[in-house]
Amino acid sequence: MILHPSGKRLVRKAVTLGIGLVGGLVALIVGAPLPWLIGAQLALCLVALSGIQILGGAPEWPQKSRSLFFPVLGVMIGAAFSADILREIPGWWPALIAVTLFLLVAQAVVYLLFRHVGGYDRATAFFSSFPGGFVEAAVLGREAGAIERLVTLQHFLRVSLIVLLMPLIFWALSGHRVGSAAGLPTSDVNLTLGSATLLVAAGLIGSFIGPWLRFPAPEVSGPLSVSAVFHSAGLIEGSIPPIMLSLTQLVIGTSLGVGFVGIAGREFMRGVGLALAAFALVLGLAACSAWLIAPALETPKEAIILAFVPGGLAEMSLIALTLNLSVPFVILIHFYRILFTLGVIPQLARRVIDRSGA
């Protein structure tokens, strides 16, 4: 039987998701943290880098599928907010001061790594070390004359390594098994029809107001904000089925794993080495920051580290939710990080890049 090209692509996507599912099952069996995310990501990363083809083509999965689950993730994260949590927010100001200093120091240290060890030019090194959004770094870097493929590679590796390694590090240090939905807010009350309707409304309304108000990562932060208001007001009873969190993990993990398709060669391996070194430096700085400011906050050091390490807002939200690490604190710090990096750090780029000897 000869399949039409469109049929082949459909089968290829199904097999790709199946590979991610198998990887998630294996990770679940061995007791890995965030099994559906990490298992799917690792399985497809290995398949992609090995060059294995499916019906004559590389593993394939629509990256836009993540956008469909971002509102679901936002609504789930909003369930972690309550009136008591909102009253705690003013006490988090030491973390905002600390993360501001952390971002400036982390960018400087990683910039020096890419510049002097990696041999990148000033613009490429600066925007490869940019602790903000993937797309923003690529666009700003291109406008400044950076080598876009290197900026894109480093940011993809940054997010991938953080998503992969942070849960494993916490798992290794704590020794506790973390299930696929350990941190999802639960309730003895079944989700009522009225509450389910409000959750759907939160996703739809938030998906509209997020871009309209120009929130960072609007697909997540918009639904998150509306859901947080509904939950804080006590309008929603019951909890979202844990399978939704597992499914969100699977889709995001599959998308990240497929991102390695077409990446190979000496430049890639060198990029991985630099990304691992950058991750170690940033993690060390985040750990030092957590140790210094933890006495001023009623927040676990692990949550502070997770809040400071610059991964994607959606991915870090998912990790915080699954590991049950002070979700509102982690989300708000990352929200501030994105606003700060977009508002302040690009202004510093001119001084760094325009210096003589570039």
Foldseek 3Di string as FASTA:
>chain_A
DDDDPVRQLVVLQVVLLVQLVVQLVVCVVVLAALSSQQRSQVRLLVQQAVVDARPPHRRDDDLCVLLVLLLVLLLQLLLVAALVVVVCVVLCVVLLVLLVVLQVVLLVVLLCCCVPVVVFAQLQSNLLSQLADLVVSLVLSVVLPGDNVLSNLSQLLLQSCCLNVLSVVVCVVVVDRFHNQQQGDFDPDAWDPQQVVQLVVLQVQQLVVQVVVVAVVSSNNRSNVSSNVCNRVVVTDGGDPSVSLSVSSNSNSSSSNSVSRPDDDDVNVSSNVSSVVSQVVSLVSQLVSLVVCVVSDVFDSSLSSLLNRRHDLSSSLSSCSRVVGSNVVSNVSNSSSNVCSVPPVSVVSCVRNVDPPD
